N, C-alpha and C. Protein backbone atom coordinates (compact mmCIF):
# COMPACT_ATOMS: atom_id res chain seq x y z
N MET A 1 0.84 -1.20 0.03
CA MET A 1 0.03 0.04 0.02
C MET A 1 0.92 1.24 0.03
N ASP A 2 0.50 2.28 -0.66
CA ASP A 2 1.23 3.52 -0.73
C ASP A 2 1.23 4.17 0.59
N ARG A 3 2.26 5.02 0.78
CA ARG A 3 2.38 5.87 1.94
C ARG A 3 1.47 7.07 1.86
N ALA A 4 0.65 7.30 2.84
CA ALA A 4 -0.30 8.44 2.90
C ALA A 4 0.33 9.56 3.62
N GLU A 5 0.01 10.75 3.19
CA GLU A 5 0.40 11.99 3.98
C GLU A 5 -0.60 12.18 5.08
N ALA A 6 -0.04 12.26 6.22
CA ALA A 6 -0.89 12.40 7.45
C ALA A 6 -1.26 13.87 7.64
N PRO A 7 -2.55 14.11 8.07
CA PRO A 7 -2.87 15.54 8.44
C PRO A 7 -2.17 15.94 9.64
N VAL A 8 -1.92 17.22 9.78
CA VAL A 8 -1.01 17.72 10.90
C VAL A 8 -1.62 19.06 11.43
N ASN A 9 -1.62 19.18 12.77
CA ASN A 9 -1.84 20.51 13.45
C ASN A 9 -0.54 20.93 14.10
N VAL A 10 -0.19 22.16 13.98
CA VAL A 10 1.02 22.66 14.66
C VAL A 10 0.57 23.86 15.47
N TYR A 11 0.96 23.92 16.73
CA TYR A 11 0.64 25.05 17.56
C TYR A 11 1.75 25.39 18.56
N GLU A 12 1.75 26.63 19.02
CA GLU A 12 2.79 27.11 19.90
C GLU A 12 2.11 27.60 21.14
N GLY A 13 2.71 27.20 22.30
CA GLY A 13 2.19 27.65 23.60
C GLY A 13 3.07 27.26 24.69
N GLY A 14 3.22 28.04 25.73
CA GLY A 14 4.02 27.65 26.88
C GLY A 14 5.49 27.51 26.54
N GLY A 15 6.00 28.26 25.43
CA GLY A 15 7.39 28.14 25.05
C GLY A 15 7.76 26.93 24.32
N GLN A 16 6.80 26.24 23.84
CA GLN A 16 7.09 25.02 22.97
C GLN A 16 6.21 24.90 21.78
N ILE A 17 6.71 24.18 20.79
CA ILE A 17 5.91 23.93 19.59
C ILE A 17 5.34 22.45 19.85
N SER A 18 4.16 22.26 19.45
CA SER A 18 3.52 20.96 19.51
C SER A 18 2.99 20.66 18.12
N VAL A 19 3.32 19.44 17.65
CA VAL A 19 2.85 18.97 16.40
C VAL A 19 1.97 17.72 16.69
N VAL A 20 0.75 17.75 16.21
CA VAL A 20 -0.24 16.71 16.47
C VAL A 20 -0.63 16.02 15.16
N VAL A 21 -0.46 14.69 15.13
CA VAL A 21 -0.62 13.92 13.94
C VAL A 21 -1.53 12.70 14.20
N PRO A 22 -2.78 12.70 13.67
CA PRO A 22 -3.60 11.46 13.80
C PRO A 22 -3.17 10.42 12.85
N ILE A 23 -2.75 9.25 13.47
CA ILE A 23 -2.24 8.14 12.60
C ILE A 23 -2.97 6.85 13.14
N PRO A 24 -4.12 6.65 12.65
CA PRO A 24 -4.94 5.46 13.09
C PRO A 24 -4.17 4.22 12.95
N GLY A 25 -4.25 3.39 14.03
CA GLY A 25 -3.72 2.07 13.97
C GLY A 25 -2.17 2.02 14.23
N ALA A 26 -1.48 3.14 14.42
CA ALA A 26 -0.07 3.15 14.67
C ALA A 26 0.28 2.75 16.13
N HIS A 27 1.40 2.04 16.24
CA HIS A 27 1.90 1.71 17.59
C HIS A 27 3.34 2.27 17.68
N ALA A 28 3.78 2.55 18.94
CA ALA A 28 5.04 3.22 19.15
C ALA A 28 6.19 2.50 18.53
N GLU A 29 6.15 1.16 18.53
CA GLU A 29 7.28 0.36 17.99
C GLU A 29 7.36 0.44 16.47
N HIS A 30 6.38 0.94 15.82
CA HIS A 30 6.32 1.14 14.38
C HIS A 30 6.29 2.58 13.89
N THR A 31 6.62 3.47 14.85
CA THR A 31 6.65 4.92 14.55
C THR A 31 8.02 5.47 14.72
N ARG A 32 8.45 6.22 13.73
CA ARG A 32 9.78 6.84 13.70
C ARG A 32 9.56 8.41 13.65
N ILE A 33 10.25 9.09 14.60
CA ILE A 33 10.10 10.57 14.59
C ILE A 33 11.55 11.11 14.62
N VAL A 34 11.74 12.08 13.75
CA VAL A 34 13.09 12.84 13.76
C VAL A 34 12.70 14.30 13.97
N VAL A 35 13.32 14.86 14.98
CA VAL A 35 13.15 16.27 15.35
C VAL A 35 14.41 17.05 14.98
N GLU A 36 14.31 18.00 14.12
CA GLU A 36 15.40 18.89 13.75
C GLU A 36 14.98 20.33 14.13
N PRO A 37 15.95 21.20 14.17
CA PRO A 37 15.62 22.59 14.57
C PRO A 37 14.47 23.25 13.83
N ARG A 38 14.27 22.96 12.59
CA ARG A 38 13.22 23.64 11.83
C ARG A 38 12.17 22.63 11.20
N ARG A 39 12.30 21.33 11.56
CA ARG A 39 11.42 20.28 10.86
C ARG A 39 11.22 19.12 11.79
N ILE A 40 10.06 18.56 11.72
CA ILE A 40 9.77 17.29 12.36
C ILE A 40 9.28 16.32 11.32
N THR A 41 9.79 15.10 11.32
CA THR A 41 9.43 14.10 10.29
C THR A 41 8.87 12.86 11.06
N VAL A 42 7.73 12.38 10.51
CA VAL A 42 7.10 11.29 11.14
C VAL A 42 6.79 10.19 10.12
N ASP A 43 7.20 8.94 10.41
CA ASP A 43 6.89 7.80 9.59
C ASP A 43 6.32 6.76 10.47
N ALA A 44 5.15 6.22 10.10
CA ALA A 44 4.48 5.25 10.94
C ALA A 44 3.95 4.11 10.05
N GLU A 45 4.00 2.96 10.51
CA GLU A 45 3.39 1.76 9.86
C GLU A 45 2.22 1.19 10.72
N CYS A 46 1.07 1.15 10.18
CA CYS A 46 -0.08 0.60 10.86
C CYS A 46 -0.27 -0.89 10.43
N LYS A 47 -0.34 -1.79 11.41
CA LYS A 47 -0.16 -3.24 11.09
C LYS A 47 -1.46 -4.09 11.26
N TYR A 48 -2.61 -3.46 11.26
CA TYR A 48 -3.77 -4.36 11.62
C TYR A 48 -4.87 -4.28 10.55
N GLU A 49 -4.55 -4.20 9.35
CA GLU A 49 -5.58 -4.23 8.30
C GLU A 49 -6.46 -5.49 8.37
N GLN A 50 -7.69 -5.31 8.33
CA GLN A 50 -8.61 -6.46 8.40
C GLN A 50 -9.09 -6.92 7.06
N GLU A 51 -8.19 -7.67 6.37
CA GLU A 51 -8.46 -8.05 5.02
C GLU A 51 -9.66 -8.96 4.89
N GLN A 52 -10.03 -9.64 5.93
CA GLN A 52 -11.22 -10.48 5.81
C GLN A 52 -12.50 -9.81 6.06
N GLN A 53 -12.46 -8.52 6.38
CA GLN A 53 -13.66 -7.71 6.52
C GLN A 53 -14.18 -7.15 5.18
N GLN A 54 -15.39 -7.05 5.08
CA GLN A 54 -15.96 -6.25 3.96
C GLN A 54 -16.31 -4.89 4.37
N TYR A 55 -15.50 -3.95 3.97
CA TYR A 55 -15.69 -2.59 4.39
C TYR A 55 -17.02 -2.02 3.79
N LEU A 56 -17.84 -1.35 4.67
CA LEU A 56 -19.00 -0.69 4.08
C LEU A 56 -18.74 0.77 3.92
N ARG A 57 -17.73 1.31 4.62
CA ARG A 57 -17.22 2.63 4.42
C ARG A 57 -15.78 2.60 4.96
N ARG A 58 -14.91 3.21 4.23
CA ARG A 58 -13.49 3.27 4.62
C ARG A 58 -12.95 4.62 4.35
N ASP A 59 -12.92 5.51 5.39
CA ASP A 59 -12.39 6.89 5.18
C ASP A 59 -10.94 7.08 5.46
N TRP A 60 -10.24 6.16 6.14
CA TRP A 60 -8.85 6.33 6.44
C TRP A 60 -8.14 5.00 6.17
N GLN A 61 -6.96 5.09 5.78
CA GLN A 61 -6.28 3.90 5.32
C GLN A 61 -5.43 3.25 6.51
N VAL A 62 -5.21 1.98 6.33
CA VAL A 62 -4.24 1.23 7.19
C VAL A 62 -3.03 0.95 6.28
N GLY A 63 -1.82 1.24 6.83
CA GLY A 63 -0.60 1.10 6.12
C GLY A 63 0.38 2.10 6.56
N SER A 64 1.09 2.74 5.61
CA SER A 64 2.16 3.65 5.90
C SER A 64 1.67 5.07 5.95
N TRP A 65 2.05 5.88 6.97
CA TRP A 65 1.78 7.25 7.14
C TRP A 65 3.04 8.01 7.16
N HIS A 66 3.09 9.23 6.62
CA HIS A 66 4.23 10.08 6.56
C HIS A 66 3.84 11.54 6.71
N ALA A 67 4.71 12.30 7.52
CA ALA A 67 4.46 13.73 7.63
C ALA A 67 5.79 14.45 7.74
N ASP A 68 5.99 15.37 6.85
CA ASP A 68 7.11 16.31 6.96
C ASP A 68 6.61 17.65 7.42
N VAL A 69 6.99 18.12 8.54
CA VAL A 69 6.41 19.37 9.06
C VAL A 69 7.46 20.40 9.24
N ASP A 70 7.42 21.41 8.36
CA ASP A 70 8.38 22.54 8.55
C ASP A 70 7.79 23.42 9.61
N LEU A 71 8.68 23.74 10.61
CA LEU A 71 8.22 24.53 11.74
C LEU A 71 8.38 26.04 11.56
N PRO A 72 7.43 26.78 12.09
CA PRO A 72 7.43 28.23 11.87
C PRO A 72 8.51 28.93 12.68
N VAL A 73 9.05 28.24 13.76
CA VAL A 73 10.13 28.77 14.59
C VAL A 73 11.07 27.66 14.83
N GLY A 74 12.30 28.01 15.32
CA GLY A 74 13.27 26.98 15.65
C GLY A 74 12.93 26.33 16.97
N VAL A 75 13.34 25.00 17.05
CA VAL A 75 13.14 24.34 18.31
C VAL A 75 14.45 23.67 18.77
N ASP A 76 14.53 23.34 20.02
CA ASP A 76 15.68 22.60 20.51
C ASP A 76 15.36 21.09 20.45
N PRO A 77 15.91 20.27 19.51
CA PRO A 77 15.56 18.89 19.38
C PRO A 77 15.89 17.96 20.62
N THR A 78 16.93 18.34 21.46
CA THR A 78 17.38 17.43 22.45
C THR A 78 16.36 17.03 23.51
N PRO A 79 15.57 18.08 24.03
CA PRO A 79 14.62 17.71 25.02
C PRO A 79 13.23 17.33 24.47
N ALA A 80 13.11 17.23 23.16
CA ALA A 80 11.88 16.92 22.57
C ALA A 80 11.32 15.60 23.05
N HIS A 81 9.94 15.50 23.08
CA HIS A 81 9.36 14.22 23.53
C HIS A 81 8.17 14.04 22.77
N ALA A 82 7.68 12.72 22.72
CA ALA A 82 6.53 12.35 21.87
C ALA A 82 5.64 11.45 22.68
N SER A 83 4.38 11.48 22.42
CA SER A 83 3.42 10.42 22.99
C SER A 83 2.46 10.02 21.91
N LEU A 84 2.08 8.79 22.00
CA LEU A 84 1.11 8.24 20.99
C LEU A 84 -0.04 7.60 21.81
N ASN A 85 -1.25 8.16 21.78
CA ASN A 85 -2.36 7.76 22.57
C ASN A 85 -3.49 7.55 21.60
N HIS A 86 -4.15 6.49 21.57
CA HIS A 86 -5.38 6.26 20.83
C HIS A 86 -5.28 6.78 19.37
N GLY A 87 -4.10 6.55 18.73
CA GLY A 87 -3.91 6.82 17.35
C GLY A 87 -3.54 8.30 17.08
N VAL A 88 -3.30 9.06 18.06
CA VAL A 88 -2.92 10.44 17.90
C VAL A 88 -1.51 10.69 18.50
N LEU A 89 -0.60 11.08 17.66
CA LEU A 89 0.81 11.34 18.01
C LEU A 89 0.91 12.81 18.28
N VAL A 90 1.57 13.12 19.47
CA VAL A 90 1.87 14.48 19.88
C VAL A 90 3.37 14.50 20.04
N VAL A 91 4.06 15.44 19.37
CA VAL A 91 5.44 15.67 19.44
C VAL A 91 5.69 17.13 19.98
N MET A 92 6.41 17.31 21.07
CA MET A 92 6.58 18.63 21.63
C MET A 92 8.06 18.86 21.80
N ALA A 93 8.42 20.13 21.42
CA ALA A 93 9.83 20.57 21.59
C ALA A 93 9.83 22.05 21.95
N PRO A 94 10.83 22.37 22.85
CA PRO A 94 10.85 23.83 23.22
C PRO A 94 11.36 24.71 22.13
N VAL A 95 10.80 25.94 22.11
CA VAL A 95 11.19 26.94 21.10
C VAL A 95 12.62 27.36 21.42
N SER A 96 13.53 27.53 20.44
CA SER A 96 14.83 27.94 20.54
C SER A 96 15.33 28.64 19.34
N ASP A 97 15.82 29.83 19.47
CA ASP A 97 16.41 30.53 18.30
C ASP A 97 17.79 29.94 17.94
N ALA A 98 18.50 29.47 18.87
CA ALA A 98 19.86 28.90 18.62
C ALA A 98 19.94 27.41 18.47
N ALA A 99 18.82 26.82 18.23
CA ALA A 99 18.82 25.34 18.16
C ALA A 99 19.62 24.76 16.99
N SER A 100 20.33 23.72 17.15
CA SER A 100 21.12 23.06 16.11
C SER A 100 21.09 21.59 16.52
N GLY A 101 21.28 20.75 15.50
CA GLY A 101 21.34 19.39 15.78
C GLY A 101 20.07 18.58 15.37
N ARG A 102 20.05 17.29 15.81
CA ARG A 102 18.96 16.44 15.43
C ARG A 102 18.74 15.44 16.58
N SER A 103 17.46 15.05 16.72
CA SER A 103 17.17 14.21 17.81
C SER A 103 16.05 13.28 17.38
N THR A 104 16.03 12.02 17.95
CA THR A 104 14.93 11.12 17.73
C THR A 104 14.35 10.80 19.10
N PRO A 105 13.24 11.45 19.46
CA PRO A 105 12.65 11.23 20.79
C PRO A 105 11.95 9.84 20.92
N PRO A 106 12.04 9.26 22.08
CA PRO A 106 11.37 7.99 22.25
C PRO A 106 9.84 8.27 22.22
N VAL A 107 9.08 7.36 21.73
CA VAL A 107 7.58 7.50 21.70
C VAL A 107 7.06 6.62 22.88
N SER A 108 6.25 7.37 23.72
CA SER A 108 5.70 6.50 24.86
C SER A 108 4.23 6.29 24.66
């Protein structure tokens, strides 16, 4: 199955940038996040397609999801963290004008 572009919300508050990505069916062990000073990249593989089911309506896919998010401000990748709950990924990183480097936060 082709890789789908995931929808994304980006917001700033409390001195941090938050990126919220709904990725139905994703699990932490199949989700890769890279946080850079001006970009967050998400790749996820959803592993539970029900091929034996006859879909009566199917609005979202099961398979590979991808999101490249250009950030409106710089962030510090080192203390970034992520959580994945009920198919919604939230990545948070503190705003930083002097940020440099790259980090892969663990997904909890």
